[in-house]
PDB file of all heavy atoms in Angstrom:
ATOM      1  N   SER A   1       2.322  -8.784   0.117  1.00  0.00           N
ATOM      2  CA  SER A   1       2.478  -9.364  -1.216  1.00  0.00           C
ATOM      3  C   SER A   1       3.111  -8.419  -2.213  1.00  0.00           C
ATOM      4  O   SER A   1       3.552  -8.848  -3.289  1.00  0.00           O
ATOM      5  CB  SER A   1       1.111  -9.803  -1.760  1.00  0.00           C
ATOM      6  OG  SER A   1       0.497 -10.731  -0.901  1.00  0.00           O
ATOM      7  N   SER A   2       3.169  -7.150  -1.916  1.00  0.00           N
ATOM      8  CA  SER A   2       3.580  -6.172  -2.916  1.00  0.00           C
ATOM      9  C   SER A   2       5.087  -6.190  -3.143  1.00  0.00           C
ATOM     10  O   SER A   2       5.873  -6.420  -2.226  1.00  0.00           O
ATOM     11  CB  SER A   2       3.161  -4.772  -2.480  1.00  0.00           C
ATOM     12  OG  SER A   2       3.921  -4.360  -1.356  1.00  0.00           O
ATOM     13  N   ASP A   3       5.470  -5.942  -4.380  1.00  0.00           N
ATOM     14  CA  ASP A   3       6.877  -5.748  -4.721  1.00  0.00           C
ATOM     15  C   ASP A   3       7.229  -4.264  -4.734  1.00  0.00           C
ATOM     16  O   ASP A   3       8.339  -3.879  -5.093  1.00  0.00           O
ATOM     17  CB  ASP A   3       7.178  -6.354  -6.093  1.00  0.00           C
ATOM     18  CG  ASP A   3       7.095  -7.868  -6.083  1.00  0.00           C
ATOM     19  OD1 ASP A   3       7.444  -8.467  -5.043  1.00  0.00           O
ATOM     20  OD2 ASP A   3       6.655  -8.449  -7.096  1.00  0.00           O
ATOM     21  N   GLY A   4       6.279  -3.457  -4.372  1.00  0.00           N
ATOM     22  CA  GLY A   4       6.492  -2.019  -4.345  1.00  0.00           C
ATOM     23  C   GLY A   4       5.354  -1.362  -3.591  1.00  0.00           C
ATOM     24  O   GLY A   4       4.543  -2.042  -2.953  1.00  0.00           O
ATOM     25  N   PRO A   5       5.243  -0.047  -3.636  1.00  0.00           N
ATOM     26  CA  PRO A   5       4.202   0.661  -2.895  1.00  0.00           C
ATOM     27  C   PRO A   5       2.802   0.238  -3.337  1.00  0.00           C
ATOM     28  O   PRO A   5       2.566  -0.102  -4.497  1.00  0.00           O
ATOM     29  CB  PRO A   5       4.461   2.135  -3.248  1.00  0.00           C
ATOM     30  CG  PRO A   5       5.899   2.182  -3.645  1.00  0.00           C
ATOM     31  CD  PRO A   5       6.166   0.880  -4.321  1.00  0.00           C
ATOM     32  N   VAL A   6       1.869   0.256  -2.383  1.00  0.00           N
ATOM     33  CA  VAL A   6       0.488  -0.116  -2.666  1.00  0.00           C
ATOM     34  C   VAL A   6      -0.445   1.025  -2.246  1.00  0.00           C
ATOM     35  O   VAL A   6      -0.115   1.840  -1.379  1.00  0.00           O
ATOM     36  CB  VAL A   6       0.073  -1.416  -1.938  1.00  0.00           C
ATOM     37  CG1 VAL A   6       0.930  -2.584  -2.393  1.00  0.00           C
ATOM     38  CG2 VAL A   6       0.162  -1.242  -0.425  1.00  0.00           C
ATOM     39  N   ASP A   7      -1.612   1.029  -2.862  1.00  0.00           N
ATOM     40  CA  ASP A   7      -2.690   1.937  -2.486  1.00  0.00           C
ATOM     41  C   ASP A   7      -3.810   1.107  -1.878  1.00  0.00           C
ATOM     42  O   ASP A   7      -4.137   0.029  -2.384  1.00  0.00           O
ATOM     43  CB  ASP A   7      -3.232   2.683  -3.708  1.00  0.00           C
ATOM     44  CG  ASP A   7      -2.194   3.563  -4.377  1.00  0.00           C
ATOM     45  OD1 ASP A   7      -1.166   3.884  -3.728  1.00  0.00           O
ATOM     46  OD2 ASP A   7      -2.403   3.929  -5.550  1.00  0.00           O
ATOM     47  N   VAL A   8      -4.394   1.603  -0.818  1.00  0.00           N
ATOM     48  CA  VAL A   8      -5.529   0.939  -0.167  1.00  0.00           C
ATOM     49  C   VAL A   8      -6.651   1.949  -0.041  1.00  0.00           C
ATOM     50  O   VAL A   8      -6.448   3.068   0.433  1.00  0.00           O
ATOM     51  CB  VAL A   8      -5.134   0.377   1.211  1.00  0.00           C
ATOM     52  CG1 VAL A   8      -6.380  -0.004   2.014  1.00  0.00           C
ATOM     53  CG2 VAL A   8      -4.223  -0.832   1.054  1.00  0.00           C
ATOM     54  N   ASN A   9      -7.838   1.542  -0.448  1.00  0.00           N
ATOM     55  CA  ASN A   9      -9.003   2.421  -0.344  1.00  0.00           C
ATOM     56  C   ASN A   9     -10.155   1.621   0.258  1.00  0.00           C
ATOM     57  O   ASN A   9     -11.138   1.278  -0.405  1.00  0.00           O
ATOM     58  CB  ASN A   9      -9.388   2.968  -1.724  1.00  0.00           C
ATOM     59  CG  ASN A   9     -10.493   4.007  -1.640  1.00  0.00           C
ATOM     60  OD1 ASN A   9     -10.629   4.689  -0.619  1.00  0.00           O
ATOM     61  ND2 ASN A   9     -11.298   4.116  -2.687  1.00  0.00           N
ATOM     62  N   GLY A  10     -10.018   1.283   1.524  1.00  0.00           N
ATOM     63  CA  GLY A  10     -11.021   0.489   2.206  1.00  0.00           C
ATOM     64  C   GLY A  10     -12.045   1.342   2.917  1.00  0.00           C
ATOM     65  O   GLY A  10     -12.033   2.576   2.839  1.00  0.00           O
ATOM     66  N   SER A  11     -12.944   0.680   3.629  1.00  0.00           N
ATOM     67  CA  SER A  11     -13.990   1.402   4.358  1.00  0.00           C
ATOM     68  C   SER A  11     -13.442   2.119   5.579  1.00  0.00           C
ATOM     69  O   SER A  11     -13.941   3.172   5.974  1.00  0.00           O
ATOM     70  CB  SER A  11     -15.082   0.417   4.800  1.00  0.00           C
ATOM     71  OG  SER A  11     -15.675  -0.211   3.689  1.00  0.00           O
ATOM     72  N   ARG A  12     -12.392   1.566   6.164  1.00  0.00           N
ATOM     73  CA  ARG A  12     -11.852   2.109   7.411  1.00  0.00           C
ATOM     74  C   ARG A  12     -10.441   2.658   7.254  1.00  0.00           C
ATOM     75  O   ARG A  12     -10.050   3.541   8.007  1.00  0.00           O
ATOM     76  CB  ARG A  12     -11.863   1.021   8.499  1.00  0.00           C
ATOM     77  CG  ARG A  12     -13.264   0.554   8.844  1.00  0.00           C
ATOM     78  CD  ARG A  12     -13.260  -0.790   9.554  1.00  0.00           C
ATOM     79  NE  ARG A  12     -14.630  -1.245   9.780  1.00  0.00           N
ATOM     80  CZ  ARG A  12     -15.380  -1.839   8.855  1.00  0.00           C
ATOM     81  NH1 ARG A  12     -14.888  -2.052   7.651  1.00  0.00           N
ATOM     82  NH2 ARG A  12     -16.607  -2.210   9.120  1.00  0.00           N
ATOM     83  N   TRP A  13      -9.678   2.097   6.335  1.00  0.00           N
ATOM     84  CA  TRP A  13      -8.299   2.530   6.148  1.00  0.00           C
ATOM     85  C   TRP A  13      -8.073   2.875   4.693  1.00  0.00           C
ATOM     86  O   TRP A  13      -8.435   2.116   3.791  1.00  0.00           O
ATOM     87  CB  TRP A  13      -7.330   1.429   6.580  1.00  0.00           C
ATOM     88  CG  TRP A  13      -7.386   1.189   8.063  1.00  0.00           C
ATOM     89  CD1 TRP A  13      -6.795   1.916   9.049  1.00  0.00           C
ATOM     90  CD2 TRP A  13      -8.122   0.148   8.726  1.00  0.00           C
ATOM     91  NE1 TRP A  13      -7.105   1.394  10.277  1.00  0.00           N
ATOM     92  CE2 TRP A  13      -7.912   0.309  10.121  1.00  0.00           C
ATOM     93  CE3 TRP A  13      -8.924  -0.916   8.287  1.00  0.00           C
ATOM     94  CZ2 TRP A  13      -8.480  -0.535  11.063  1.00  0.00           C
ATOM     95  CZ3 TRP A  13      -9.494  -1.762   9.221  1.00  0.00           C
ATOM     96  CH2 TRP A  13      -9.269  -1.562  10.593  1.00  0.00           C
ATOM     97  N   GLN A  14      -7.495   4.061   4.480  1.00  0.00           N
ATOM     98  CA  GLN A  14      -7.155   4.519   3.144  1.00  0.00           C
ATOM     99  C   GLN A  14      -5.741   5.102   3.188  1.00  0.00           C
ATOM    100  O   GLN A  14      -5.424   5.893   4.087  1.00  0.00           O
ATOM    101  CB  GLN A  14      -8.122   5.599   2.637  1.00  0.00           C
ATOM    102  CG  GLN A  14      -9.596   5.185   2.644  1.00  0.00           C
ATOM    103  CD  GLN A  14     -10.280   5.451   3.964  1.00  0.00           C
ATOM    104  OE1 GLN A  14      -9.959   6.412   4.670  1.00  0.00           O
ATOM    105  NE2 GLN A  14     -11.247   4.611   4.323  1.00  0.00           N
ATOM    106  N   PHE A  15      -4.908   4.684   2.261  1.00  0.00           N
ATOM    107  CA  PHE A  15      -3.576   5.276   2.146  1.00  0.00           C
ATOM    108  C   PHE A  15      -3.046   5.009   0.738  1.00  0.00           C
ATOM    109  O   PHE A  15      -3.533   4.120   0.031  1.00  0.00           O
ATOM    110  CB  PHE A  15      -2.620   4.750   3.212  1.00  0.00           C
ATOM    111  CG  PHE A  15      -2.541   3.241   3.307  1.00  0.00           C
ATOM    112  CD1 PHE A  15      -1.715   2.506   2.462  1.00  0.00           C
ATOM    113  CD2 PHE A  15      -3.273   2.549   4.271  1.00  0.00           C
ATOM    114  CE1 PHE A  15      -1.627   1.130   2.556  1.00  0.00           C
ATOM    115  CE2 PHE A  15      -3.197   1.174   4.373  1.00  0.00           C
ATOM    116  CZ  PHE A  15      -2.366   0.449   3.522  1.00  0.00           C
ATOM    117  N   ARG A  16      -2.054   5.800   0.357  1.00  0.00           N
ATOM    118  CA  ARG A  16      -1.476   5.677  -0.985  1.00  0.00           C
ATOM    119  C   ARG A  16       0.031   5.580  -0.884  1.00  0.00           C
ATOM    120  O   ARG A  16       0.663   6.159   0.009  1.00  0.00           O
ATOM    121  CB  ARG A  16      -1.859   6.892  -1.845  1.00  0.00           C
ATOM    122  CG  ARG A  16      -3.358   7.035  -2.112  1.00  0.00           C
ATOM    123  CD  ARG A  16      -3.614   8.094  -3.158  1.00  0.00           C
ATOM    124  NE  ARG A  16      -3.019   7.709  -4.439  1.00  0.00           N
ATOM    125  CZ  ARG A  16      -2.947   8.514  -5.493  1.00  0.00           C
ATOM    126  NH1 ARG A  16      -3.424   9.754  -5.422  1.00  0.00           N
ATOM    127  NH2 ARG A  16      -2.398   8.096  -6.618  1.00  0.00           N
ATOM    128  N   ASN A  17       0.597   4.828  -1.843  1.00  0.00           N
ATOM    129  CA  ASN A  17       2.041   4.777  -2.043  1.00  0.00           C
ATOM    130  C   ASN A  17       2.783   4.334  -0.766  1.00  0.00           C
ATOM    131  O   ASN A  17       3.761   4.947  -0.363  1.00  0.00           O
ATOM    132  CB  ASN A  17       2.542   6.158  -2.498  1.00  0.00           C
ATOM    133  CG  ASN A  17       3.903   6.078  -3.159  1.00  0.00           C
ATOM    134  OD1 ASN A  17       4.209   5.108  -3.851  1.00  0.00           O
ATOM    135  ND2 ASN A  17       4.727   7.092  -2.938  1.00  0.00           N
ATOM    136  N   VAL A  18       2.311   3.250  -0.154  1.00  0.00           N
ATOM    137  CA  VAL A  18       2.938   2.726   1.064  1.00  0.00           C
ATOM    138  C   VAL A  18       3.602   1.386   0.755  1.00  0.00           C
ATOM    139  O   VAL A  18       2.980   0.482   0.188  1.00  0.00           O
ATOM    140  CB  VAL A  18       1.893   2.543   2.185  1.00  0.00           C
ATOM    141  CG1 VAL A  18       2.509   1.783   3.371  1.00  0.00           C
ATOM    142  CG2 VAL A  18       1.363   3.890   2.641  1.00  0.00           C
ATOM    143  N   ASP A  19       4.855   1.276   1.121  1.00  0.00           N
ATOM    144  CA  ASP A  19       5.586   0.012   1.002  1.00  0.00           C
ATOM    145  C   ASP A  19       6.150  -0.314   2.374  1.00  0.00           C
ATOM    146  O   ASP A  19       6.949   0.460   2.924  1.00  0.00           O
ATOM    147  CB  ASP A  19       6.717   0.135  -0.027  1.00  0.00           C
ATOM    148  CG  ASP A  19       7.200  -1.221  -0.516  1.00  0.00           C
ATOM    149  OD1 ASP A  19       6.618  -2.240  -0.106  1.00  0.00           O
ATOM    150  OD2 ASP A  19       8.171  -1.259  -1.298  1.00  0.00           O
ATOM    151  N   LEU A  20       5.740  -1.426   2.932  1.00  0.00           N
ATOM    152  CA  LEU A  20       6.066  -1.761   4.306  1.00  0.00           C
ATOM    153  C   LEU A  20       7.146  -2.832   4.357  1.00  0.00           C
ATOM    154  O   LEU A  20       7.111  -3.801   3.598  1.00  0.00           O
ATOM    155  CB  LEU A  20       4.803  -2.266   5.015  1.00  0.00           C
ATOM    156  CG  LEU A  20       4.798  -2.249   6.542  1.00  0.00           C
ATOM    157  CD1 LEU A  20       4.872  -0.821   7.062  1.00  0.00           C
ATOM    158  CD2 LEU A  20       3.537  -2.929   7.065  1.00  0.00           C
ATOM    159  N   PHE A  21       8.103  -2.651   5.255  1.00  0.00           N
ATOM    160  CA  PHE A  21       9.161  -3.634   5.479  1.00  0.00           C
ATOM    161  C   PHE A  21       9.270  -3.910   6.989  1.00  0.00           C
ATOM    162  O   PHE A  21       8.921  -3.046   7.790  1.00  0.00           O
ATOM    163  CB  PHE A  21      10.499  -3.122   4.945  1.00  0.00           C
ATOM    164  CG  PHE A  21      10.556  -3.026   3.447  1.00  0.00           C
ATOM    165  CD1 PHE A  21      10.258  -1.830   2.805  1.00  0.00           C
ATOM    166  CD2 PHE A  21      10.883  -4.143   2.690  1.00  0.00           C
ATOM    167  CE1 PHE A  21      10.300  -1.751   1.420  1.00  0.00           C
ATOM    168  CE2 PHE A  21      10.933  -4.064   1.300  1.00  0.00           C
ATOM    169  CZ  PHE A  21      10.648  -2.863   0.671  1.00  0.00           C
ATOM    170  N   PRO A  22       9.728  -5.154   7.346  1.00  0.00           N
ATOM    171  CA  PRO A  22      10.196  -6.229   6.477  1.00  0.00           C
ATOM    172  C   PRO A  22       9.036  -6.973   5.826  1.00  0.00           C
ATOM    173  O   PRO A  22       7.914  -6.925   6.328  1.00  0.00           O
ATOM    174  CB  PRO A  22      10.939  -7.163   7.442  1.00  0.00           C
ATOM    175  CG  PRO A  22      10.190  -7.010   8.738  1.00  0.00           C
ATOM    176  CD  PRO A  22       9.806  -5.545   8.786  1.00  0.00           C
ATOM    177  N   LYS A  23       9.324  -7.667   4.741  1.00  0.00           N
ATOM    178  CA  LYS A  23       8.351  -8.584   4.169  1.00  0.00           C
ATOM    179  C   LYS A  23       8.460  -9.916   4.907  1.00  0.00           C
ATOM    180  O   LYS A  23       9.547 -10.300   5.353  1.00  0.00           O
ATOM    181  CB  LYS A  23       8.616  -8.813   2.679  1.00  0.00           C
ATOM    182  CG  LYS A  23       8.568  -7.563   1.828  1.00  0.00           C
ATOM    183  CD  LYS A  23       7.193  -6.904   1.845  1.00  0.00           C
ATOM    184  CE  LYS A  23       7.186  -5.684   0.915  1.00  0.00           C
ATOM    185  NZ  LYS A  23       5.894  -4.938   1.009  1.00  0.00           N
ATOM    186  N   PRO A  24       7.350 -10.637   5.057  1.00  0.00           N
ATOM    187  CA  PRO A  24       7.425 -11.954   5.690  1.00  0.00           C
ATOM    188  C   PRO A  24       8.281 -12.909   4.864  1.00  0.00           C
ATOM    189  O   PRO A  24       8.511 -12.701   3.676  1.00  0.00           O
ATOM    190  CB  PRO A  24       5.964 -12.420   5.717  1.00  0.00           C
ATOM    191  CG  PRO A  24       5.151 -11.180   5.530  1.00  0.00           C
ATOM    192  CD  PRO A  24       5.981 -10.272   4.685  1.00  0.00           C
ATOM    193  N   VAL A  25       8.751 -13.967   5.515  1.00  0.00           N
ATOM    194  CA  VAL A  25       9.571 -14.961   4.827  1.00  0.00           C
ATOM    195  C   VAL A  25       8.760 -15.683   3.764  1.00  0.00           C
ATOM    196  O   VAL A  25       9.225 -15.889   2.635  1.00  0.00           O
ATOM    197  CB  VAL A  25      10.162 -15.964   5.839  1.00  0.00           C
ATOM    198  CG1 VAL A  25      10.866 -17.115   5.128  1.00  0.00           C
ATOM    199  CG2 VAL A  25      11.120 -15.246   6.790  1.00  0.00           C
ATOM    200  N   ARG A  26       7.535 -16.061   4.100  1.00  0.00           N
ATOM    201  CA  ARG A  26       6.683 -16.747   3.120  1.00  0.00           C
ATOM    202  C   ARG A  26       6.122 -15.735   2.121  1.00  0.00           C
ATOM    203  O   ARG A  26       5.599 -14.698   2.514  1.00  0.00           O
ATOM    204  CB  ARG A  26       5.520 -17.447   3.810  1.00  0.00           C
ATOM    205  CG  ARG A  26       5.943 -18.610   4.676  1.00  0.00           C
ATOM    206  CD  ARG A  26       4.722 -19.348   5.149  1.00  0.00           C
ATOM    207  NE  ARG A  26       5.081 -20.423   6.055  1.00  0.00           N
ATOM    208  CZ  ARG A  26       4.482 -21.601   6.080  1.00  0.00           C
ATOM    209  NH1 ARG A  26       3.487 -21.851   5.251  1.00  0.00           N
ATOM    210  NH2 ARG A  26       4.848 -22.529   6.933  1.00  0.00           N
ATOM    211  N   PRO A  27       6.200 -16.030   0.842  1.00  0.00           N
ATOM    212  CA  PRO A  27       5.593 -15.127  -0.146  1.00  0.00           C
ATOM    213  C   PRO A  27       4.108 -14.926   0.147  1.00  0.00           C
ATOM    214  O   PRO A  27       3.369 -15.889   0.350  1.00  0.00           O
ATOM    215  CB  PRO A  27       5.804 -15.872  -1.468  1.00  0.00           C
ATOM    216  CG  PRO A  27       6.988 -16.760  -1.216  1.00  0.00           C
ATOM    217  CD  PRO A  27       6.873 -17.177   0.216  1.00  0.00           C
ATOM    218  N   GLY A  28       3.695 -13.694   0.225  1.00  0.00           N
ATOM    219  CA  GLY A  28       2.295 -13.400   0.516  1.00  0.00           C
ATOM    220  C   GLY A  28       1.961 -13.346   1.985  1.00  0.00           C
ATOM    221  O   GLY A  28       0.849 -12.982   2.365  1.00  0.00           O
ATOM    222  N   GLY A  29       2.926 -13.699   2.832  1.00  0.00           N
ATOM    223  CA  GLY A  29       2.706 -13.578   4.269  1.00  0.00           C
ATOM    224  C   GLY A  29       2.436 -14.897   4.962  1.00  0.00           C
ATOM    225  O   GLY A  29       2.223 -15.932   4.320  1.00  0.00           O
ATOM    226  N   PRO A  30       2.417 -14.888   6.286  1.00  0.00           N
ATOM    227  CA  PRO A  30       2.163 -16.114   7.042  1.00  0.00           C
ATOM    228  C   PRO A  30       0.739 -16.606   6.815  1.00  0.00           C
ATOM    229  O   PRO A  30      -0.163 -15.805   6.529  1.00  0.00           O
ATOM    230  CB  PRO A  30       2.361 -15.677   8.502  1.00  0.00           C
ATOM    231  CG  PRO A  30       2.101 -14.211   8.495  1.00  0.00           C
ATOM    232  CD  PRO A  30       2.603 -13.723   7.164  1.00  0.00           C
ATOM    233  N   PRO A  31       0.512 -17.922   6.919  1.00  0.00           N
ATOM    234  CA  PRO A  31      -0.856 -18.430   6.788  1.00  0.00           C
ATOM    235  C   PRO A  31      -1.752 -17.851   7.863  1.00  0.00           C
ATOM    236  O   PRO A  31      -1.347 -17.720   9.030  1.00  0.00           O
ATOM    237  CB  PRO A  31      -0.700 -19.946   6.933  1.00  0.00           C
ATOM    238  CG  PRO A  31       0.618 -20.143   7.608  1.00  0.00           C
ATOM    239  CD  PRO A  31       1.479 -18.997   7.190  1.00  0.00           C
ATOM    240  N   ILE A  32      -2.982 -17.495   7.485  1.00  0.00           N
ATOM    241  CA  ILE A  32      -3.964 -16.936   8.412  1.00  0.00           C
ATOM    242  C   ILE A  32      -5.032 -17.987   8.685  1.00  0.00           C
ATOM    243  O   ILE A  32      -5.750 -18.415   7.774  1.00  0.00           O
ATOM    244  CB  ILE A  32      -4.594 -15.654   7.835  1.00  0.00           C
ATOM    245  CG1 ILE A  32      -3.532 -14.549   7.755  1.00  0.00           C
ATOM    246  CG2 ILE A  32      -5.782 -15.201   8.684  1.00  0.00           C
ATOM    247  CD1 ILE A  32      -4.018 -13.276   7.102  1.00  0.00           C
ATOM    248  N   TRP A  33      -5.097 -18.424   9.925  1.00  0.00           N
ATOM    249  CA  TRP A  33      -6.116 -19.382  10.363  1.00  0.00           C
ATOM    250  C   TRP A  33      -7.169 -18.609  11.145  1.00  0.00           C
ATOM    251  O   TRP A  33      -6.830 -17.854  12.074  1.00  0.00           O
ATOM    252  CB  TRP A  33      -5.496 -20.449  11.256  1.00  0.00           C
ATOM    253  CG  TRP A  33      -4.558 -21.388  10.549  1.00  0.00           C
ATOM    254  CD1 TRP A  33      -4.044 -21.263   9.294  1.00  0.00           C
ATOM    255  CD2 TRP A  33      -4.015 -22.602  11.092  1.00  0.00           C
ATOM    256  NE1 TRP A  33      -3.214 -22.321   9.007  1.00  0.00           N
ATOM    257  CE2 TRP A  33      -3.178 -23.157  10.086  1.00  0.00           C
ATOM    258  CE3 TRP A  33      -4.151 -23.262  12.311  1.00  0.00           C
ATOM    259  CZ2 TRP A  33      -2.479 -24.354  10.291  1.00  0.00           C
ATOM    260  CZ3 TRP A  33      -3.462 -24.451  12.507  1.00  0.00           C
ATOM    261  CH2 TRP A  33      -2.639 -24.993  11.504  1.00  0.00           C
ATOM    262  N   LEU A  34      -8.414 -18.803  10.800  1.00  0.00           N
ATOM    263  CA  LEU A  34      -9.479 -18.014  11.407  1.00  0.00           C
ATOM    264  C   LEU A  34     -10.176 -18.780  12.529  1.00  0.00           C
ATOM    265  O   LEU A  34     -10.643 -19.906  12.339  1.00  0.00           O
ATOM    266  CB  LEU A  34     -10.481 -17.578  10.346  1.00  0.00           C
ATOM    267  CG  LEU A  34      -9.919 -16.550   9.360  1.00  0.00           C
ATOM    268  CD1 LEU A  34     -10.947 -16.182   8.308  1.00  0.00           C
ATOM    269  CD2 LEU A  34      -9.439 -15.301  10.084  1.00  0.00           C
ATOM    270  N   GLY A  35     -10.227 -18.139  13.699  1.00  0.00           N
ATOM    271  CA  GLY A  35     -10.891 -18.715  14.868  1.00  0.00           C
ATOM    272  C   GLY A  35     -12.340 -18.250  14.916  1.00  0.00           C
ATOM    273  O   GLY A  35     -12.680 -17.301  15.624  1.00  0.00           O
ATOM    274  N   VAL A  36     -13.195 -18.922  14.158  1.00  0.00           N
ATOM    275  CA  VAL A  36     -14.603 -18.534  14.015  1.00  0.00           C
ATOM    276  C   VAL A  36     -15.473 -19.785  14.011  1.00  0.00           C
ATOM    277  O   VAL A  36     -15.012 -20.879  13.675  1.00  0.00           O
ATOM    278  CB  VAL A  36     -14.833 -17.746  12.708  1.00  0.00           C
ATOM    279  CG1 VAL A  36     -14.136 -16.398  12.744  1.00  0.00           C
ATOM    280  CG2 VAL A  36     -14.342 -18.549  11.491  1.00  0.00           C
ATOM    281  N   ARG A  37     -16.756 -19.595  14.351  1.00  0.00           N
ATOM    282  CA  ARG A  37     -17.705 -20.703  14.205  1.00  0.00           C
ATOM    283  C   ARG A  37     -19.129 -20.226  13.914  1.00  0.00           C
ATOM    284  O   ARG A  37     -20.003 -21.043  13.637  1.00  0.00           O
ATOM    285  CB  ARG A  37     -17.690 -21.607  15.432  1.00  0.00           C
ATOM    286  CG  ARG A  37     -18.262 -21.001  16.708  1.00  0.00           C
ATOM    287  CD  ARG A  37     -18.198 -22.015  17.835  1.00  0.00           C
ATOM    288  NE  ARG A  37     -18.840 -21.523  19.061  1.00  0.00           N
ATOM    289  CZ  ARG A  37     -18.787 -22.153  20.231  1.00  0.00           C
ATOM    290  NH1 ARG A  37     -18.137 -23.301  20.327  1.00  0.00           N
ATOM    291  NH2 ARG A  37     -19.384 -21.642  21.285  1.00  0.00           N
ATOM    292  N   GLY A  38     -19.381 -18.932  13.980  1.00  0.00           N
ATOM    293  CA  GLY A  38     -20.689 -18.392  13.631  1.00  0.00           C
ATOM    294  C   GLY A  38     -20.868 -18.296  12.130  1.00  0.00           C
ATOM    295  O   GLY A  38     -19.904 -18.416  11.354  1.00  0.00           O
ATOM    296  N   PRO A  39     -22.094 -18.049  11.653  1.00  0.00           N
ATOM    297  CA  PRO A  39     -22.372 -18.042  10.212  1.00  0.00           C
ATOM    298  C   PRO A  39     -21.521 -17.058   9.419  1.00  0.00           C
ATOM    299  O   PRO A  39     -20.950 -17.411   8.379  1.00  0.00           O
ATOM    300  CB  PRO A  39     -23.863 -17.683  10.139  1.00  0.00           C
ATOM    301  CG  PRO A  39     -24.418 -18.126  11.465  1.00  0.00           C
ATOM    302  CD  PRO A  39     -23.322 -17.890  12.464  1.00  0.00           C
ATOM    303  N   ARG A  40     -21.413 -15.810   9.882  1.00  0.00           N
ATOM    304  CA  ARG A  40     -20.639 -14.824   9.133  1.00  0.00           C
ATOM    305  C   ARG A  40     -19.150 -15.153   9.174  1.00  0.00           C
ATOM    306  O   ARG A  40     -18.435 -14.988   8.183  1.00  0.00           O
ATOM    307  CB  ARG A  40     -20.883 -13.418   9.682  1.00  0.00           C
ATOM    308  CG  ARG A  40     -22.295 -12.900   9.460  1.00  0.00           C
ATOM    309  CD  ARG A  40     -22.378 -11.426   9.810  1.00  0.00           C
ATOM    310  NE  ARG A  40     -21.546 -10.629   8.921  1.00  0.00           N
ATOM    311  CZ  ARG A  40     -21.012  -9.462   9.255  1.00  0.00           C
ATOM    312  NH1 ARG A  40     -21.209  -8.955  10.469  1.00  0.00           N
ATOM    313  NH2 ARG A  40     -20.276  -8.784   8.401  1.00  0.00           N
TER     314      ARG A  40
END
């Protein structure tokens, strides 16, 4: 979704000033369908 570099500070992945290419054709990326059925 970014128009420029992003910072991520997650529990498992942390990085700064990263801009990744190519961007997907759809703004914000391809639709994500989740294959789940348990409560969480």
